[in-house]
Amino acid sequence: MDKEAKLELLKSKRQKCIVYTRVMGYHRPVESFNIGKTGEHKQRLQFTQ
């Protein structure tokens, strides 16, 4: 079975994942961002201590 066929079989089990981020002290879903804020979010770097 190739990779594409496996993905087709699993499609029915998939569900949407909502990503939240902290903006100005509160959490907000990334999908509700406007175009500018979405681009800014994609450019962010992960903080590692």
C-alpha atoms as a PDB file:
ATOM      1  CA  MET A   1       0.000   0.000   0.000  1.00  0.00           C
ATOM      2  CA  ASP A   2       1.479   3.361  -0.982  1.00  0.00           C
ATOM      3  CA  LYS A   3       1.536   6.515   1.114  1.00  0.00           C
ATOM      4  CA  GLU A   4      -1.395   8.164  -0.710  1.00  0.00           C
ATOM      5  CA  ALA A   5      -3.667   5.163  -0.158  1.00  0.00           C
ATOM      6  CA  LYS A   6      -2.846   5.119   3.556  1.00  0.00           C
ATOM      7  CA  LEU A   7      -3.702   8.819   3.875  1.00  0.00           C
ATOM      8  CA  GLU A   8      -7.048   8.240   2.136  1.00  0.00           C
ATOM      9  CA  LEU A   9      -7.933   5.506   4.625  1.00  0.00           C
ATOM     10  CA  LEU A  10      -7.083   7.732   7.588  1.00  0.00           C
ATOM     11  CA  LYS A  11      -8.953  10.809   6.286  1.00  0.00           C
ATOM     12  CA  SER A  12     -12.208   9.733   7.934  1.00  0.00           C
ATOM     13  CA  LYS A  13     -10.469   9.610  11.343  1.00  0.00           C
ATOM     14  CA  ARG A  14      -8.922  13.070  11.085  1.00  0.00           C
ATOM     15  CA  GLN A  15     -10.239  16.112  12.902  1.00  0.00           C
ATOM     16  CA  LYS A  16      -9.378  19.789  12.785  1.00  0.00           C
ATOM     17  CA  CYS A  17      -6.728  20.980  15.232  1.00  0.00           C
ATOM     18  CA  ILE A  18      -7.171  24.520  16.575  1.00  0.00           C
ATOM     19  CA  VAL A  19      -3.888  26.228  17.470  1.00  0.00           C
ATOM     20  CA  TYR A  20      -3.960  28.928  20.143  1.00  0.00           C
ATOM     21  CA  THR A  21      -1.310  31.533  20.847  1.00  0.00           C
ATOM     22  CA  ARG A  22      -0.929  34.178  23.507  1.00  0.00           C
ATOM     23  CA  VAL A  23      -1.565  37.706  22.230  1.00  0.00           C
ATOM     24  CA  MET A  24      -1.435  40.743  24.508  1.00  0.00           C
ATOM     25  CA  GLY A  25      -1.936  38.661  27.640  1.00  0.00           C
ATOM     26  CA  TYR A  26      -4.758  36.359  26.509  1.00  0.00           C
ATOM     27  CA  HIS A  27      -5.064  33.249  24.334  1.00  0.00           C
ATOM     28  CA  ARG A  28      -6.555  33.446  20.845  1.00  0.00           C
ATOM     29  CA  PRO A  29      -6.989  30.920  18.022  1.00  0.00           C
ATOM     30  CA  VAL A  30      -4.511  31.501  15.191  1.00  0.00           C
ATOM     31  CA  GLU A  31      -7.220  30.867  12.571  1.00  0.00           C
ATOM     32  CA  SER A  32      -8.971  34.110  13.590  1.00  0.00           C
ATOM     33  CA  PHE A  33      -5.900  36.269  12.799  1.00  0.00           C
ATOM     34  CA  ASN A  34      -5.943  38.728   9.920  1.00  0.00           C
ATOM     35  CA  ILE A  35      -3.442  38.380   7.028  1.00  0.00           C
ATOM     36  CA  GLY A  36      -0.751  40.522   8.648  1.00  0.00           C
ATOM     37  CA  LYS A  37      -0.908  38.805  12.012  1.00  0.00           C
ATOM     38  CA  THR A  38      -0.877  35.340  10.338  1.00  0.00           C
ATOM     39  CA  GLY A  39       2.348  36.249   8.497  1.00  0.00           C
ATOM     40  CA  GLU A  40       3.890  37.578  11.693  1.00  0.00           C
ATOM     41  CA  HIS A  41       2.970  34.362  13.543  1.00  0.00           C
ATOM     42  CA  LYS A  42       4.651  32.209  10.853  1.00  0.00           C
ATOM     43  CA  GLN A  43       7.897  34.194  11.233  1.00  0.00           C
ATOM     44  CA  ARG A  44       8.127  33.720  15.004  1.00  0.00           C
ATOM     45  CA  LEU A  45      10.912  31.603  16.448  1.00  0.00           C
ATOM     46  CA  GLN A  46      10.355  29.042  19.195  1.00  0.00           C
ATOM     47  CA  PHE A  47      11.951  30.041  22.497  1.00  0.00           C
ATOM     48  CA  THR A  48      14.355  27.484  23.930  1.00  0.00           C
ATOM     49  CA  GLN A  49      15.904  27.965  27.322  1.00  0.00           C
END
